[in-house]
Structures are given as structure tokens and as C-alpha cells.
Amino acid sequence: MSTPTPSPSTARRRGGAALLWLLVLAALAAAGWFGWRWWQQDRAHARNAEAQSIQRLAALESRTAALREDQRAQGRRLQQGDATNRVLRDELLGLGQRAALIEDSVSKLADPEHSGAQALRLEELEIVLGIAQQRLRLAGDLGGARHAYALAATLLDGIHDPAYLSLRQTLTQERSAVDALPEDPRAVAAGRLDAFAASLPALPLRTPAEVNAQAPWWRRAFGRLIEVRPASGSVAVDPGDRAAALAALQLEITLAQAAVERRDRDGYRRALARADGWLTRLWPDSPALRERRAALRELRELRLDLTLPTLGTTLNQLRAMRAGEGSR
């Protein structure tokens, strides 16, 4: 059986179809390649656009932050300007008030009823009275206060205005009260406290033998060689304990002296109360110790401040009289 031979037209059709398919495949490959290139370029363009957007956003945020900082700086400058304006306004008001005071002082000095010399003398008198009051109240300087009151009396004698006659009488009474004051209680307390501290080393360290005559023969025989003390005694015997107790006693006396200088009566009394406890710790009971403790109780009752009910009455009256003259 023989195989049929394809005709030439059939072969040409098959070759054309194969060429067509090749062309289609080549076209599809070219389209795919161009599509891939376009997609890559589109992605690169999108990335560039995104990067540019991020840069623009960062620049915008930076400009916004700079604007906010400028706004805050402007706000601070405005606040400083307002504060400066307030200070200048207050200074202008102060200058106006001082000018008014100067004008008032000039008008008072020009008043024929109140000469300038008298006004200056009254100013000096007020200053001297204030010094006398503060010397007595703060420093406890009785001599300085008396000298200042004597100077104030001399100044007031130079003012011949009858309106100040009552002030002269008040000054005389207050000066008499100051002259009648005893010694400064603080100095008295300090001196007595120093004398008390100096008398402590003379206290006996052992109790006197009050029962030697009635003691057993063995105690009388060995009393000079052996000393019997109760084990539960409160008096410090060990050298270390005594040294610590003496240091504590000296500390309390020093605190009491400091309280005297401050006129702190409560602190002074508390320090002496603690010192009394250390006395019984350091020395056994004896007439000398009881005498020192009684002296310590007397020290606790001392006053530390100067009491003068009339202190400052002349100064207050002078200020009231000058205020009344200024209001007229």
C-alpha cells in the first residue's frame, strides 16, 4: 500500500501557519518585554515620587517647626515687652509719688508755722528714739539706751513749740522708767551660770562617812582599804562613763548659755533640767550636791528678758503727732 504524498499547496499552507505562529510568539514576547520595562519604569517613577513626597513632607514639617519656634519666640518677646512696660509704668508711678512727697516736704518746710530746722530736729528725734528702743529690746544694751534717751531729751528741749509739751512729759516718764531698770537679766543669768559651772568640780566624789561610829567593827577596820558600793547605784563609777557624763553635762550648760544669749527662756529651762539629771549621775547624794541642785533650780526661775511696759510710748506719740500734722 503506498503512502499518499502531500501536495505542494498543502506544504505551503503548513509553512505559512508555522511562520504565523512564530510571528505571533515573537510579537507576544516583544509585548511582554515592553510591558515589563514599562512596569519597571512605572515602579521606579512611583518610588521617586514617593521619595520626593517624603522629602517635601519633611521640609514642610521643618518649616512648620521653625514657624512654631518663631511664634514662641515672638510670644516670649511680647511677654518681656509687657513686663518691661509694667516695670516702666511702676517706676513712673513711683517717680510721681516721690515727686509728690518731695513737693509735700518742700511745702511743709516753707510753712511758717513749721520751720525747716524744727522739722529736721523732729526727724533726728524720731531716729534717736528708735535707736534707743532697739538697743534695749534687741541688744539689751541698757547703758546705750539710757544715753540715747538722754540725747532725745536734749533734742526735745530745743523744740519750743507748746504742742510738744505732752511729748516732753511722756519722754520724761519713759526715761525715768529706763533709769530705774535693774541690771540686764541676761547678764545676771550668764554670770550666775558661769559661777555654777565653775563650782561643780568642788563636789565630793564620795559620800561622807555618816555611820562610821555605828558601823560594824570589820567595816571600821577595813574602811580605809576597801570601799563598798551598791551594784545598782545610779552614780557613774567607770572612767569612761564619767567622762561621757561630764561631756553631756558641759554640753547642757553650753546650750543653756546659748539660750541665755538668745533670751530663749524655754530652751534655757529645758537645758538646766537635763543638767540636773546629769548631776545626780555624776556625784552621789551629799549636802554639797543638794546645795548645787537648789542653786540650779533658782537659776531655772530667772527671767532673761527686760520688761518695760512703757517702752516705745514716746516714739509712738511722736509719730502720731507728726501723722496728724501731715494730714492737716
C-alpha atoms as a PDB file:
ATOM      1  CA  MET A   1       0.000   0.000   0.000  1.00  0.00           C
ATOM      2  CA  SER A   2       1.567   3.271  -0.948  1.00  0.00           C
ATOM      3  CA  THR A   3       1.642   6.464   1.363  1.00  0.00           C
ATOM      4  CA  PRO A   4      -0.047   9.500  -0.163  1.00  0.00           C
ATOM      5  CA  THR A   5       2.379  12.348  -0.965  1.00  0.00           C
ATOM      6  CA  PRO A   6       1.303  15.883   0.289  1.00  0.00           C
ATOM      7  CA  SER A   7       0.683  18.308  -2.406  1.00  0.00           C
ATOM      8  CA  PRO A   8       2.787  21.474  -2.740  1.00  0.00           C
ATOM      9  CA  SER A   9      -0.117  23.760  -1.746  1.00  0.00           C
ATOM     10  CA  THR A  10      -0.631  21.846   1.449  1.00  0.00           C
ATOM     11  CA  ALA A  11       3.028  22.183   2.369  1.00  0.00           C
ATOM     12  CA  ARG A  12       2.960  25.897   1.703  1.00  0.00           C
ATOM     13  CA  ARG A  13      -0.091  26.309   3.933  1.00  0.00           C
ATOM     14  CA  ARG A  14       1.639  24.466   6.761  1.00  0.00           C
ATOM     15  CA  GLY A  15       4.790  26.566   6.397  1.00  0.00           C
ATOM     16  CA  GLY A  16       2.750  29.781   6.409  1.00  0.00           C
ATOM     17  CA  ALA A  17       0.868  28.723   9.549  1.00  0.00           C
ATOM     18  CA  ALA A  18       4.145  27.924  11.313  1.00  0.00           C
ATOM     19  CA  LEU A  19       5.594  31.280  10.303  1.00  0.00           C
ATOM     20  CA  LEU A  20       2.444  32.991  11.511  1.00  0.00           C
ATOM     21  CA  TRP A  21       2.700  31.289  14.871  1.00  0.00           C
ATOM     22  CA  LEU A  22       6.320  32.312  15.134  1.00  0.00           C
ATOM     23  CA  LEU A  23       5.406  35.896  14.363  1.00  0.00           C
ATOM     24  CA  VAL A  24       2.623  35.780  16.980  1.00  0.00           C
ATOM     25  CA  LEU A  25       5.001  34.365  19.568  1.00  0.00           C
ATOM     26  CA  ALA A  26       7.635  36.952  18.703  1.00  0.00           C
ATOM     27  CA  ALA A  27       5.006  39.693  18.965  1.00  0.00           C
ATOM     28  CA  LEU A  28       3.846  38.365  22.336  1.00  0.00           C
ATOM     29  CA  ALA A  29       7.430  38.169  23.611  1.00  0.00           C
ATOM     30  CA  ALA A  30       8.111  41.717  22.445  1.00  0.00           C
ATOM     31  CA  ALA A  31       4.875  42.912  24.046  1.00  0.00           C
ATOM     32  CA  GLY A  32       5.792  41.125  27.293  1.00  0.00           C
ATOM     33  CA  TRP A  33       9.281  42.616  27.312  1.00  0.00           C
ATOM     34  CA  PHE A  34       7.979  46.136  26.621  1.00  0.00           C
ATOM     35  CA  GLY A  35       5.287  45.632  29.277  1.00  0.00           C
ATOM     36  CA  TRP A  36       7.865  44.509  31.823  1.00  0.00           C
ATOM     37  CA  ARG A  37      10.091  47.503  31.012  1.00  0.00           C
ATOM     38  CA  TRP A  38       7.130  49.847  31.357  1.00  0.00           C
ATOM     39  CA  TRP A  39       6.178  48.290  34.710  1.00  0.00           C
ATOM     40  CA  GLN A  40       9.757  48.660  35.963  1.00  0.00           C
ATOM     41  CA  GLN A  41       9.849  52.270  34.841  1.00  0.00           C
ATOM     42  CA  ASP A  42       6.445  52.906  36.434  1.00  0.00           C
ATOM     43  CA  ARG A  43       7.641  51.417  39.733  1.00  0.00           C
ATOM     44  CA  ALA A  44      10.833  53.488  39.618  1.00  0.00           C
ATOM     45  CA  HIS A  45       8.756  56.590  38.878  1.00  0.00           C
ATOM     46  CA  ALA A  46       6.413  55.760  41.778  1.00  0.00           C
ATOM     47  CA  ARG A  47       9.388  55.281  44.115  1.00  0.00           C
ATOM     48  CA  ASN A  48      10.882  58.574  43.008  1.00  0.00           C
ATOM     49  CA  ALA A  49       7.544  60.302  43.508  1.00  0.00           C
ATOM     50  CA  GLU A  50       7.195  58.763  46.985  1.00  0.00           C
ATOM     51  CA  ALA A  51      10.734  59.818  47.948  1.00  0.00           C
ATOM     52  CA  GLN A  52      10.064  63.335  46.703  1.00  0.00           C
ATOM     53  CA  SER A  53       6.791  63.392  48.658  1.00  0.00           C
ATOM     54  CA  ILE A  54       8.616  62.294  51.829  1.00  0.00           C
ATOM     55  CA  GLN A  55      11.264  64.969  51.295  1.00  0.00           C
ATOM     56  CA  ARG A  56       8.618  67.624  50.704  1.00  0.00           C
ATOM     57  CA  LEU A  57       6.754  66.460  53.845  1.00  0.00           C
ATOM     58  CA  ALA A  58       9.951  66.584  55.932  1.00  0.00           C
ATOM     59  CA  ALA A  59      10.738  70.041  54.591  1.00  0.00           C
ATOM     60  CA  LEU A  60       7.175  71.136  55.347  1.00  0.00           C
ATOM     61  CA  GLU A  61       7.416  69.780  58.915  1.00  0.00           C
ATOM     62  CA  SER A  62      10.769  71.520  59.360  1.00  0.00           C
ATOM     63  CA  ARG A  63       9.296  74.813  58.153  1.00  0.00           C
ATOM     64  CA  THR A  64       6.284  74.283  60.416  1.00  0.00           C
ATOM     65  CA  ALA A  65       8.566  73.652  63.426  1.00  0.00           C
ATOM     66  CA  ALA A  66      10.582  76.750  62.561  1.00  0.00           C
ATOM     67  CA  LEU A  67       7.393  78.792  62.328  1.00  0.00           C
ATOM     68  CA  ARG A  68       6.215  77.454  65.689  1.00  0.00           C
ATOM     69  CA  GLU A  69       9.571  78.299  67.267  1.00  0.00           C
ATOM     70  CA  ASP A  70       9.382  81.789  65.779  1.00  0.00           C
ATOM     71  CA  GLN A  71       5.855  82.099  67.160  1.00  0.00           C
ATOM     72  CA  ARG A  72       7.006  81.052  70.632  1.00  0.00           C
ATOM     73  CA  ALA A  73       9.930  83.480  70.428  1.00  0.00           C
ATOM     74  CA  GLN A  74       7.541  86.244  69.424  1.00  0.00           C
ATOM     75  CA  GLY A  75       5.294  85.300  72.375  1.00  0.00           C
ATOM     76  CA  ARG A  76       8.246  85.484  74.746  1.00  0.00           C
ATOM     77  CA  ARG A  77       9.254  88.836  73.330  1.00  0.00           C
ATOM     78  CA  LEU A  78       5.711  90.089  73.802  1.00  0.00           C
ATOM     79  CA  GLN A  79       5.691  88.863  77.421  1.00  0.00           C
ATOM     80  CA  GLN A  80       9.046  90.504  78.067  1.00  0.00           C
ATOM     81  CA  GLY A  81       7.742  93.669  76.480  1.00  0.00           C
ATOM     82  CA  ASP A  82       4.663  93.569  78.708  1.00  0.00           C
ATOM     83  CA  ALA A  83       6.811  93.000  81.794  1.00  0.00           C
ATOM     84  CA  THR A  84       9.113  95.848  80.794  1.00  0.00           C
ATOM     85  CA  ASN A  85       6.121  98.092  80.242  1.00  0.00           C
ATOM     86  CA  ARG A  86       4.737  97.198  83.670  1.00  0.00           C
ATOM     87  CA  VAL A  87       8.103  97.911  85.306  1.00  0.00           C
ATOM     88  CA  LEU A  88       8.369 101.220  83.498  1.00  0.00           C
ATOM     89  CA  ARG A  89       4.809 102.073  84.468  1.00  0.00           C
ATOM     90  CA  ASP A  90       5.530 101.223  88.119  1.00  0.00           C
ATOM     91  CA  GLU A  91       8.720 103.290  88.004  1.00  0.00           C
ATOM     92  CA  LEU A  92       6.814 106.209  86.546  1.00  0.00           C
ATOM     93  CA  LEU A  93       4.200 105.879  89.284  1.00  0.00           C
ATOM     94  CA  GLY A  94       6.975 105.687  91.882  1.00  0.00           C
ATOM     95  CA  LEU A  95       8.618 108.775  90.414  1.00  0.00           C
ATOM     96  CA  GLY A  96       5.279 110.560  90.555  1.00  0.00           C
ATOM     97  CA  GLN A  97       4.764 109.544  94.182  1.00  0.00           C
ATOM     98  CA  ARG A  98       8.285 110.606  95.109  1.00  0.00           C
ATOM     99  CA  ALA A  99       7.776 113.908  93.351  1.00  0.00           C
ATOM    100  CA  ALA A 100       4.541 114.396  95.295  1.00  0.00           C
ATOM    101  CA  LEU A 101       6.342 113.561  98.566  1.00  0.00           C
ATOM    102  CA  ILE A 102       9.147 115.970  97.733  1.00  0.00           C
ATOM    103  CA  GLU A 103       6.609 118.657  96.897  1.00  0.00           C
ATOM    104  CA  ASP A 104       4.790 117.991 100.164  1.00  0.00           C
ATOM    105  CA  SER A 105       8.059 118.142 102.115  1.00  0.00           C
ATOM    106  CA  VAL A 106       9.012 121.388 100.421  1.00  0.00           C
ATOM    107  CA  SER A 107       5.601 122.851 101.202  1.00  0.00           C
ATOM    108  CA  LYS A 108       5.958 121.807 104.843  1.00  0.00           C
ATOM    109  CA  LEU A 109       9.408 123.337 105.042  1.00  0.00           C
ATOM    110  CA  ALA A 110       8.037 126.526 103.513  1.00  0.00           C
ATOM    111  CA  ASP A 111       5.209 126.642 106.096  1.00  0.00           C
ATOM    112  CA  PRO A 112       5.975 129.489 108.520  1.00  0.00           C
ATOM    113  CA  GLU A 113       4.428 127.526 111.407  1.00  0.00           C
ATOM    114  CA  HIS A 114       6.863 124.623 110.942  1.00  0.00           C
ATOM    115  CA  SER A 115      10.345 125.781 110.207  1.00  0.00           C
ATOM    116  CA  GLY A 116      12.852 123.611 108.434  1.00  0.00           C
ATOM    117  CA  ALA A 117      15.094 123.434 111.497  1.00  0.00           C
ATOM    118  CA  GLN A 118      12.243 122.118 113.623  1.00  0.00           C
ATOM    119  CA  ALA A 119      11.315 119.505 111.021  1.00  0.00           C
ATOM    120  CA  LEU A 120      14.913 118.293 110.890  1.00  0.00           C
ATOM    121  CA  ARG A 121      15.097 118.206 114.679  1.00  0.00           C
ATOM    122  CA  LEU A 122      11.919 116.115 114.819  1.00  0.00           C
ATOM    123  CA  GLU A 123      13.369 113.716 112.245  1.00  0.00           C
ATOM    124  CA  GLU A 124      16.515 113.351 114.332  1.00  0.00           C
ATOM    125  CA  LEU A 125      14.448 112.894 117.492  1.00  0.00           C
ATOM    126  CA  GLU A 126      12.454 110.068 115.877  1.00  0.00           C
ATOM    127  CA  ILE A 127      15.650 108.327 114.753  1.00  0.00           C
ATOM    128  CA  VAL A 128      17.241 108.598 118.217  1.00  0.00           C
ATOM    129  CA  LEU A 129      14.108 107.270 119.940  1.00  0.00           C
ATOM    130  CA  GLY A 130      14.016 104.333 117.528  1.00  0.00           C
ATOM    131  CA  ILE A 131      17.683 103.571 118.230  1.00  0.00           C
ATOM    132  CA  ALA A 132      17.076 103.693 121.991  1.00  0.00           C
ATOM    133  CA  GLN A 133      14.135 101.308 121.714  1.00  0.00           C
ATOM    134  CA  GLN A 134      16.023  98.825 119.537  1.00  0.00           C
ATOM    135  CA  ARG A 135      19.154  98.945 121.696  1.00  0.00           C
ATOM    136  CA  LEU A 136      17.089  97.990 124.709  1.00  0.00           C
ATOM    137  CA  ARG A 137      14.756  95.476 123.053  1.00  0.00           C
ATOM    138  CA  LEU A 138      17.160  93.629 120.743  1.00  0.00           C
ATOM    139  CA  ALA A 139      20.626  94.075 122.241  1.00  0.00           C
ATOM    140  CA  GLY A 140      19.726  94.555 125.911  1.00  0.00           C
ATOM    141  CA  ASP A 141      22.191  97.465 125.984  1.00  0.00           C
ATOM    142  CA  LEU A 142      20.858  99.355 128.991  1.00  0.00           C
ATOM    143  CA  GLY A 143      23.696 101.877 129.038  1.00  0.00           C
ATOM    144  CA  GLY A 144      23.329 102.642 125.327  1.00  0.00           C
ATOM    145  CA  ALA A 145      19.568 103.033 125.708  1.00  0.00           C
ATOM    146  CA  ARG A 146      19.983 105.458 128.609  1.00  0.00           C
ATOM    147  CA  HIS A 147      22.464 107.506 126.620  1.00  0.00           C
ATOM    148  CA  ALA A 148      20.085 107.585 123.632  1.00  0.00           C
ATOM    149  CA  TYR A 149      17.168 108.731 125.821  1.00  0.00           C
ATOM    150  CA  ALA A 150      19.362 111.490 127.274  1.00  0.00           C
ATOM    151  CA  LEU A 151      20.209 112.631 123.739  1.00  0.00           C
ATOM    152  CA  ALA A 152      16.489 112.546 122.813  1.00  0.00           C
ATOM    153  CA  ALA A 153      15.680 114.730 125.831  1.00  0.00           C
ATOM    154  CA  THR A 154      18.333 117.237 124.699  1.00  0.00           C
ATOM    155  CA  LEU A 155      16.862 117.330 121.197  1.00  0.00           C
ATOM    156  CA  LEU A 156      13.329 117.793 122.506  1.00  0.00           C
ATOM    157  CA  ASP A 157      14.463 120.646 124.734  1.00  0.00           C
ATOM    158  CA  GLY A 158      15.497 122.503 121.590  1.00  0.00           C
ATOM    159  CA  ILE A 159      11.884 122.454 120.260  1.00  0.00           C
ATOM    160  CA  HIS A 160       9.967 125.364 121.782  1.00  0.00           C
ATOM    161  CA  ASP A 161       6.601 124.557 120.210  1.00  0.00           C
ATOM    162  CA  PRO A 162       3.974 124.285 123.022  1.00  0.00           C
ATOM    163  CA  ALA A 163       2.282 121.460 121.079  1.00  0.00           C
ATOM    164  CA  TYR A 164       5.111 119.126 122.126  1.00  0.00           C
ATOM    165  CA  LEU A 165       4.748 119.713 125.877  1.00  0.00           C
ATOM    166  CA  SER A 166       2.884 116.427 126.387  1.00  0.00           C
ATOM    167  CA  LEU A 167       5.570 114.632 124.379  1.00  0.00           C
ATOM    168  CA  ARG A 168       8.207 116.057 126.735  1.00  0.00           C
ATOM    169  CA  GLN A 169       6.293 114.711 129.727  1.00  0.00           C
ATOM    170  CA  THR A 170       5.974 111.259 128.125  1.00  0.00           C
ATOM    171  CA  LEU A 171       9.695 111.196 127.390  1.00  0.00           C
ATOM    172  CA  THR A 172      10.492 112.123 130.997  1.00  0.00           C
ATOM    173  CA  GLN A 173       8.350 109.252 132.308  1.00  0.00           C
ATOM    174  CA  GLU A 174       9.813 106.718 129.897  1.00  0.00           C
ATOM    175  CA  ARG A 175      13.364 107.868 130.639  1.00  0.00           C
ATOM    176  CA  SER A 176      12.733 107.551 134.385  1.00  0.00           C
ATOM    177  CA  ALA A 177      11.447 104.000 133.864  1.00  0.00           C
ATOM    178  CA  VAL A 178      14.563 103.108 131.861  1.00  0.00           C
ATOM    179  CA  ASP A 179      16.855 104.611 134.517  1.00  0.00           C
ATOM    180  CA  ALA A 180      15.048 102.583 137.196  1.00  0.00           C
ATOM    181  CA  LEU A 181      15.628  99.289 135.392  1.00  0.00           C
ATOM    182  CA  PRO A 182      17.938  96.871 137.223  1.00  0.00           C
ATOM    183  CA  GLU A 183      20.844  95.109 135.587  1.00  0.00           C
ATOM    184  CA  ASP A 184      20.092  93.183 132.418  1.00  0.00           C
ATOM    185  CA  PRO A 185      18.631  89.779 133.474  1.00  0.00           C
ATOM    186  CA  ARG A 186      20.543  88.113 130.679  1.00  0.00           C
ATOM    187  CA  ALA A 187      23.883  89.295 132.085  1.00  0.00           C
ATOM    188  CA  VAL A 188      22.835  88.221 135.598  1.00  0.00           C
ATOM    189  CA  ALA A 189      21.824  84.748 134.388  1.00  0.00           C
ATOM    190  CA  ALA A 190      25.025  84.356 132.360  1.00  0.00           C
ATOM    191  CA  GLY A 191      27.213  85.321 135.345  1.00  0.00           C
ATOM    192  CA  ARG A 192      25.413  83.033 137.765  1.00  0.00           C
ATOM    193  CA  LEU A 193      25.505  80.166 135.287  1.00  0.00           C
ATOM    194  CA  ASP A 194      29.269  80.581 134.814  1.00  0.00           C
ATOM    195  CA  ALA A 195      29.742  80.610 138.595  1.00  0.00           C
ATOM    196  CA  PHE A 196      27.625  77.462 138.910  1.00  0.00           C
ATOM    197  CA  ALA A 197      29.671  75.664 136.259  1.00  0.00           C
ATOM    198  CA  ALA A 198      32.913  76.703 137.981  1.00  0.00           C
ATOM    199  CA  SER A 199      31.706  75.327 141.338  1.00  0.00           C
ATOM    200  CA  LEU A 200      30.938  71.818 140.079  1.00  0.00           C
ATOM    201  CA  PRO A 201      34.482  70.359 140.238  1.00  0.00           C
ATOM    202  CA  ALA A 202      34.492  71.008 144.018  1.00  0.00           C
ATOM    203  CA  LEU A 203      31.712  68.484 144.606  1.00  0.00           C
ATOM    204  CA  PRO A 204      32.859  65.397 146.574  1.00  0.00           C
ATOM    205  CA  LEU A 205      33.083  62.155 144.668  1.00  0.00           C
ATOM    206  CA  ARG A 206      32.352  60.093 147.784  1.00  0.00           C
ATOM    207  CA  THR A 207      29.665  60.393 150.422  1.00  0.00           C
ATOM    208  CA  PRO A 208      30.835  61.407 153.898  1.00  0.00           C
ATOM    209  CA  ALA A 209      31.092  58.580 156.414  1.00  0.00           C
ATOM    210  CA  GLU A 210      27.965  59.422 158.389  1.00  0.00           C
ATOM    211  CA  VAL A 211      27.607  55.997 160.068  1.00  0.00           C
ATOM    212  CA  ASN A 212      31.208  55.165 160.841  1.00  0.00           C
ATOM    213  CA  ALA A 213      30.545  55.298 164.546  1.00  0.00           C
ATOM    214  CA  GLN A 214      27.716  52.782 164.272  1.00  0.00           C
ATOM    215  CA  ALA A 215      29.292  50.587 161.586  1.00  0.00           C
ATOM    216  CA  PRO A 216      30.452  47.026 162.357  1.00  0.00           C
ATOM    217  CA  TRP A 217      33.976  46.559 163.581  1.00  0.00           C
ATOM    218  CA  TRP A 218      35.082  44.980 160.309  1.00  0.00           C
ATOM    219  CA  ARG A 219      33.813  47.965 158.282  1.00  0.00           C
ATOM    220  CA  ARG A 220      35.574  50.392 160.605  1.00  0.00           C
ATOM    221  CA  ALA A 221      38.718  48.282 160.413  1.00  0.00           C
ATOM    222  CA  PHE A 222      38.814  47.906 156.642  1.00  0.00           C
ATOM    223  CA  GLY A 223      37.007  51.135 155.730  1.00  0.00           C
ATOM    224  CA  ARG A 224      40.247  52.831 154.713  1.00  0.00           C
ATOM    225  CA  LEU A 225      41.264  49.920 152.485  1.00  0.00           C
ATOM    226  CA  ILE A 226      38.004  48.707 150.982  1.00  0.00           C
ATOM    227  CA  GLU A 227      35.061  50.793 149.802  1.00  0.00           C
ATOM    228  CA  VAL A 228      31.739  49.017 149.379  1.00  0.00           C
ATOM    229  CA  ARG A 229      29.277  50.430 146.840  1.00  0.00           C
ATOM    230  CA  PRO A 230      25.856  49.067 145.876  1.00  0.00           C
ATOM    231  CA  ALA A 231      25.953  47.382 142.480  1.00  0.00           C
ATOM    232  CA  SER A 232      22.667  49.031 141.467  1.00  0.00           C
ATOM    233  CA  GLY A 233      23.833  52.587 142.211  1.00  0.00           C
ATOM    234  CA  SER A 234      22.982  55.324 139.677  1.00  0.00           C
ATOM    235  CA  VAL A 235      26.276  57.211 140.068  1.00  0.00           C
ATOM    236  CA  ALA A 236      28.746  56.638 137.235  1.00  0.00           C
ATOM    237  CA  VAL A 237      31.922  54.968 138.514  1.00  0.00           C
ATOM    238  CA  ASP A 238      33.649  53.744 135.381  1.00  0.00           C
ATOM    239  CA  PRO A 239      36.072  56.382 133.995  1.00  0.00           C
ATOM    240  CA  GLY A 240      34.558  56.115 130.522  1.00  0.00           C
ATOM    241  CA  ASP A 241      31.037  56.590 131.852  1.00  0.00           C
ATOM    242  CA  ARG A 242      32.104  59.559 133.953  1.00  0.00           C
ATOM    243  CA  ALA A 243      33.888  61.179 131.007  1.00  0.00           C
ATOM    244  CA  ALA A 244      30.767  60.788 128.825  1.00  0.00           C
ATOM    245  CA  ALA A 245      28.523  62.117 131.591  1.00  0.00           C
ATOM    246  CA  LEU A 246      30.816  65.115 132.198  1.00  0.00           C
ATOM    247  CA  ALA A 247      30.799  65.871 128.456  1.00  0.00           C
ATOM    248  CA  ALA A 248      26.990  65.684 128.412  1.00  0.00           C
ATOM    249  CA  LEU A 249      26.761  67.987 131.454  1.00  0.00           C
ATOM    250  CA  GLN A 250      29.110  70.506 129.831  1.00  0.00           C
ATOM    251  CA  LEU A 251      27.056  70.338 126.634  1.00  0.00           C
ATOM    252  CA  GLU A 252      23.830  71.102 128.527  1.00  0.00           C
ATOM    253  CA  ILE A 253      25.473  74.050 130.303  1.00  0.00           C
ATOM    254  CA  THR A 254      26.715  75.333 126.927  1.00  0.00           C
ATOM    255  CA  LEU A 255      23.192  75.010 125.482  1.00  0.00           C
ATOM    256  CA  ALA A 256      21.840  76.924 128.476  1.00  0.00           C
ATOM    257  CA  GLN A 257      24.412  79.695 127.899  1.00  0.00           C
ATOM    258  CA  ALA A 258      23.420  79.894 124.226  1.00  0.00           C
ATOM    259  CA  ALA A 259      19.749  80.102 125.235  1.00  0.00           C
ATOM    260  CA  VAL A 260      20.646  82.960 127.600  1.00  0.00           C
ATOM    261  CA  GLU A 261      22.228  84.859 124.712  1.00  0.00           C
ATOM    262  CA  ARG A 262      19.052  84.342 122.627  1.00  0.00           C
ATOM    263  CA  ARG A 263      16.782  85.127 125.607  1.00  0.00           C
ATOM    264  CA  ASP A 264      15.153  81.738 124.947  1.00  0.00           C
ATOM    265  CA  ARG A 265      13.692  81.001 128.389  1.00  0.00           C
ATOM    266  CA  ASP A 266      12.087  77.674 127.393  1.00  0.00           C
ATOM    267  CA  GLY A 267      15.303  76.289 125.909  1.00  0.00           C
ATOM    268  CA  TYR A 268      17.225  77.619 128.908  1.00  0.00           C
ATOM    269  CA  ARG A 269      14.972  75.826 131.390  1.00  0.00           C
ATOM    270  CA  ARG A 270      14.995  72.564 129.429  1.00  0.00           C
ATOM    271  CA  ALA A 271      18.816  72.554 129.253  1.00  0.00           C
ATOM    272  CA  LEU A 272      19.115  73.155 133.015  1.00  0.00           C
ATOM    273  CA  ALA A 273      16.578  70.400 133.734  1.00  0.00           C
ATOM    274  CA  ARG A 274      18.693  67.956 131.750  1.00  0.00           C
ATOM    275  CA  ALA A 275      21.818  69.226 133.527  1.00  0.00           C
ATOM    276  CA  ASP A 276      20.182  68.441 136.888  1.00  0.00           C
ATOM    277  CA  GLY A 277      19.771  64.829 135.787  1.00  0.00           C
ATOM    278  CA  TRP A 278      23.468  64.614 134.920  1.00  0.00           C
ATOM    279  CA  LEU A 279      24.395  65.986 138.351  1.00  0.00           C
ATOM    280  CA  THR A 280      22.771  63.014 140.067  1.00  0.00           C
ATOM    281  CA  ARG A 281      24.541  60.737 137.594  1.00  0.00           C
ATOM    282  CA  LEU A 282      27.993  62.168 138.313  1.00  0.00           C
ATOM    283  CA  TRP A 283      28.009  62.778 142.073  1.00  0.00           C
ATOM    284  CA  PRO A 284      26.483  60.868 144.990  1.00  0.00           C
ATOM    285  CA  ASP A 285      23.963  62.456 147.278  1.00  0.00           C
ATOM    286  CA  SER A 286      25.575  64.884 149.704  1.00  0.00           C
ATOM    287  CA  PRO A 287      24.799  68.272 151.280  1.00  0.00           C
ATOM    288  CA  ALA A 288      27.038  69.952 148.700  1.00  0.00           C
ATOM    289  CA  LEU A 289      25.169  68.281 145.830  1.00  0.00           C
ATOM    290  CA  ARG A 290      21.804  69.247 147.288  1.00  0.00           C
ATOM    291  CA  GLU A 291      23.052  72.815 147.576  1.00  0.00           C
ATOM    292  CA  ARG A 292      24.120  72.840 143.911  1.00  0.00           C
ATOM    293  CA  ARG A 293      20.793  71.400 142.804  1.00  0.00           C
ATOM    294  CA  ALA A 294      18.938  74.056 144.784  1.00  0.00           C
ATOM    295  CA  ALA A 295      21.103  76.716 143.113  1.00  0.00           C
ATOM    296  CA  LEU A 296      20.291  75.145 139.743  1.00  0.00           C
ATOM    297  CA  ARG A 297      16.549  75.352 140.491  1.00  0.00           C
ATOM    298  CA  GLU A 298      16.982  79.033 141.329  1.00  0.00           C
ATOM    299  CA  LEU A 299      18.811  79.540 138.040  1.00  0.00           C
ATOM    300  CA  ARG A 300      15.915  77.934 136.149  1.00  0.00           C
ATOM    301  CA  GLU A 301      13.484  80.500 137.578  1.00  0.00           C
ATOM    302  CA  LEU A 302      15.484  83.532 136.414  1.00  0.00           C
ATOM    303  CA  ARG A 303      13.984  85.782 133.745  1.00  0.00           C
ATOM    304  CA  LEU A 304      16.010  86.567 130.646  1.00  0.00           C
ATOM    305  CA  ASP A 305      14.139  89.483 129.082  1.00  0.00           C
ATOM    306  CA  LEU A 306      13.815  93.113 130.028  1.00  0.00           C
ATOM    307  CA  THR A 307      10.246  94.047 130.934  1.00  0.00           C
ATOM    308  CA  LEU A 308       9.285  97.687 130.416  1.00  0.00           C
ATOM    309  CA  PRO A 309       5.597  98.324 129.623  1.00  0.00           C
ATOM    310  CA  THR A 310       6.231 101.968 128.708  1.00  0.00           C
ATOM    311  CA  LEU A 311       8.969 101.180 126.176  1.00  0.00           C
ATOM    312  CA  GLY A 312       8.299 102.983 122.882  1.00  0.00           C
ATOM    313  CA  THR A 313       5.439 105.210 124.104  1.00  0.00           C
ATOM    314  CA  THR A 314       7.325 108.421 123.300  1.00  0.00           C
ATOM    315  CA  LEU A 315       8.184 107.228 119.790  1.00  0.00           C
ATOM    316  CA  ASN A 316       4.582 106.171 119.105  1.00  0.00           C
ATOM    317  CA  GLN A 317       3.235 109.501 120.366  1.00  0.00           C
ATOM    318  CA  LEU A 318       5.733 111.451 118.251  1.00  0.00           C
ATOM    319  CA  ARG A 319       4.762 109.513 115.114  1.00  0.00           C
ATOM    320  CA  ALA A 320       1.056 110.016 115.828  1.00  0.00           C
ATOM    321  CA  MET A 321       1.568 113.782 116.268  1.00  0.00           C
ATOM    322  CA  ARG A 322       3.561 114.058 113.029  1.00  0.00           C
ATOM    323  CA  ALA A 323       0.997 111.992 111.148  1.00  0.00           C
ATOM    324  CA  GLY A 324      -1.761 114.276 112.445  1.00  0.00           C
ATOM    325  CA  GLU A 325       0.185 117.359 111.335  1.00  0.00           C
ATOM    326  CA  GLY A 326       0.753 115.839 107.905  1.00  0.00           C
ATOM    327  CA  SER A 327      -2.957 115.109 107.417  1.00  0.00           C
ATOM    328  CA  ARG A 328      -3.967 118.701 108.147  1.00  0.00           C
END
